C-alpha atoms as a PDB file:
ATOM      1  CA  MET A   1      28.092   7.666 -10.785  1.00  0.00           C
ATOM      2  CA  THR A   2      25.008   9.337  -9.346  1.00  0.00           C
ATOM      3  CA  LEU A   3      24.233   9.522  -5.644  1.00  0.00           C
ATOM      4  CA  GLN A   4      21.199   7.265  -6.130  1.00  0.00           C
ATOM      5  CA  THR A   5      23.396   4.648  -7.828  1.00  0.00           C
ATOM      6  CA  ARG A   6      25.976   4.816  -5.025  1.00  0.00           C
ATOM      7  CA  PHE A   7      23.172   4.556  -2.441  1.00  0.00           C
ATOM      8  CA  ASP A   8      21.703   1.505  -4.186  1.00  0.00           C
ATOM      9  CA  GLN A   9      25.177  -0.075  -4.275  1.00  0.00           C
ATOM     10  CA  ALA A  10      25.685   0.666  -0.572  1.00  0.00           C
ATOM     11  CA  LEU A  11      22.344  -1.017   0.179  1.00  0.00           C
ATOM     12  CA  ALA A  12      23.522  -4.127  -1.657  1.00  0.00           C
ATOM     13  CA  ASP A  13      26.944  -3.980   0.011  1.00  0.00           C
ATOM     14  CA  SER A  14      25.388  -3.672   3.472  1.00  0.00           C
ATOM     15  CA  LYS A  15      23.825  -7.112   3.039  1.00  0.00           C
ATOM     16  CA  ASN A  16      27.220  -8.679   2.290  1.00  0.00           C
ATOM     17  CA  LEU A  17      29.397  -7.309   5.087  1.00  0.00           C
ATOM     18  CA  ASP A  18      31.872  -9.782   6.553  1.00  0.00           C
ATOM     19  CA  GLU A  19      30.730  -8.982  10.094  1.00  0.00           C
ATOM     20  CA  ARG A  20      27.331  -8.002  11.422  1.00  0.00           C
ATOM     21  CA  PRO A  21      27.506  -4.399  12.718  1.00  0.00           C
ATOM     22  CA  ASP A  22      26.630  -3.710  16.346  1.00  0.00           C
ATOM     23  CA  ASN A  23      23.056  -2.770  17.222  1.00  0.00           C
ATOM     24  CA  MET A  24      23.710   0.984  17.430  1.00  0.00           C
ATOM     25  CA  THR A  25      25.254   0.969  13.959  1.00  0.00           C
ATOM     26  CA  LEU A  26      22.336  -1.066  12.616  1.00  0.00           C
ATOM     27  CA  LEU A  27      19.940   1.454  14.142  1.00  0.00           C
ATOM     28  CA  LYS A  28      21.849   4.314  12.501  1.00  0.00           C
ATOM     29  CA  MET A  29      21.778   2.498   9.158  1.00  0.00           C
ATOM     30  CA  TYR A  30      18.027   1.966   9.501  1.00  0.00           C
ATOM     31  CA  ALA A  31      17.381   5.610  10.343  1.00  0.00           C
ATOM     32  CA  LEU A  32      19.535   6.857   7.456  1.00  0.00           C
ATOM     33  CA  TYR A  33      17.820   4.461   5.049  1.00  0.00           C
ATOM     34  CA  LYS A  34      14.356   5.610   6.134  1.00  0.00           C
ATOM     35  CA  GLN A  35      15.316   9.291   5.950  1.00  0.00           C
ATOM     36  CA  ALA A  36      16.884   8.778   2.510  1.00  0.00           C
ATOM     37  CA  SER A  37      13.941   6.840   1.118  1.00  0.00           C
ATOM     38  CA  LYS A  38      10.928   8.394   2.887  1.00  0.00           C
ATOM     39  CA  GLY A  39      12.027  11.754   4.310  1.00  0.00           C
ATOM     40  CA  ASP A  40      11.065  12.897   7.818  1.00  0.00           C
ATOM     41  CA  ALA A  41       9.432  10.395  10.180  1.00  0.00           C
ATOM     42  CA  ASP A  42       5.684  10.303   9.974  1.00  0.00           C
ATOM     43  CA  GLY A  43       2.907   8.549  11.805  1.00  0.00           C
ATOM     44  CA  THR A  44       2.738   8.018  15.511  1.00  0.00           C
ATOM     45  CA  ARG A  45       5.514   6.855  17.756  1.00  0.00           C
ATOM     46  CA  PRO A  46       5.102   3.176  18.722  1.00  0.00           C
ATOM     47  CA  GLY A  47       3.973   2.470  22.270  1.00  0.00           C
ATOM     48  CA  PHE A  48       6.290   1.584  25.132  1.00  0.00           C
ATOM     49  CA  THR A  49       5.587  -2.137  24.711  1.00  0.00           C
ATOM     50  CA  ASP A  50       7.133  -2.107  21.219  1.00  0.00           C
ATOM     51  CA  LEU A  51      10.720  -1.436  22.272  1.00  0.00           C
ATOM     52  CA  VAL A  52      12.313  -2.220  18.922  1.00  0.00           C
ATOM     53  CA  GLY A  53       9.773  -0.243  16.907  1.00  0.00           C
ATOM     54  CA  ARG A  54      10.100   2.673  19.293  1.00  0.00           C
ATOM     55  CA  ALA A  55      13.918   2.683  19.064  1.00  0.00           C
ATOM     56  CA  LYS A  56      13.756   2.585  15.270  1.00  0.00           C
ATOM     57  CA  TRP A  57      11.171   5.379  15.104  1.00  0.00           C
ATOM     58  CA  ASP A  58      13.159   7.531  17.557  1.00  0.00           C
ATOM     59  CA  ALA A  59      16.374   7.068  15.561  1.00  0.00           C
ATOM     60  CA  TRP A  60      14.566   8.036  12.354  1.00  0.00           C
ATOM     61  CA  ASP A  61      12.816  10.994  13.998  1.00  0.00           C
ATOM     62  CA  ALA A  62      16.188  12.266  15.276  1.00  0.00           C
ATOM     63  CA  LEU A  63      17.128  12.891  11.630  1.00  0.00           C
ATOM     64  CA  LYS A  64      14.182  15.242  11.074  1.00  0.00           C
ATOM     65  CA  GLY A  65      15.221  18.034   8.728  1.00  0.00           C
ATOM     66  CA  VAL A  66      18.111  16.125   7.134  1.00  0.00           C
ATOM     67  CA  THR A  67      17.648  16.152   3.374  1.00  0.00           C
ATOM     68  CA  GLN A  68      17.144  12.851   1.604  1.00  0.00           C
ATOM     69  CA  GLU A  69      20.314  13.460  -0.418  1.00  0.00           C
ATOM     70  CA  HIS A  70      22.385  14.119   2.706  1.00  0.00           C
ATOM     71  CA  ALA A  71      20.993  10.976   4.361  1.00  0.00           C
ATOM     72  CA  MET A  72      21.902   8.973   1.243  1.00  0.00           C
ATOM     73  CA  GLN A  73      25.460  10.319   1.352  1.00  0.00           C
ATOM     74  CA  GLN A  74      25.775   9.533   5.069  1.00  0.00           C
ATOM     75  CA  TYR A  75      24.545   5.975   4.423  1.00  0.00           C
ATOM     76  CA  VAL A  76      27.033   5.511   1.576  1.00  0.00           C
ATOM     77  CA  ASP A  77      29.860   6.816   3.791  1.00  0.00           C
ATOM     78  CA  LEU A  78      28.852   4.615   6.731  1.00  0.00           C
ATOM     79  CA  VAL A  79      28.782   1.450   4.633  1.00  0.00           C
ATOM     80  CA  ALA A  80      32.140   2.373   3.074  1.00  0.00           C
ATOM     81  CA  ASP A  81      33.602   2.785   6.577  1.00  0.00           C
ATOM     82  CA  LEU A  82      32.188  -0.578   7.642  1.00  0.00           C
ATOM     83  CA  LYS A  83      33.631  -2.273   4.555  1.00  0.00           C
ATOM     84  CA  SER A  84      37.081  -0.762   5.095  1.00  0.00           C
ATOM     85  CA  ALA A  85      37.107  -1.692   8.790  1.00  0.00           C
ATOM     86  CA  MET A  86      36.741  -5.385   7.996  1.00  0.00           C
END
């Protein structure tokens, strides 16, 4: 099974978790997804009035330099850990 296939499966599995992950885990999942699908963060950082957008952008930007393949693998591993913890 290719990494892309496992990543796609993890994306599907993440929508069917028994429990909703905490906000920090959701933020990590978002950042890993964006890094895996788009690469390094681009554009401008949202303003201070957009707290959610800013937190998401900051989490994604913190992964700058991580390869898309490594981000995919981290996402797959994170979802596997969440599935096994439930």
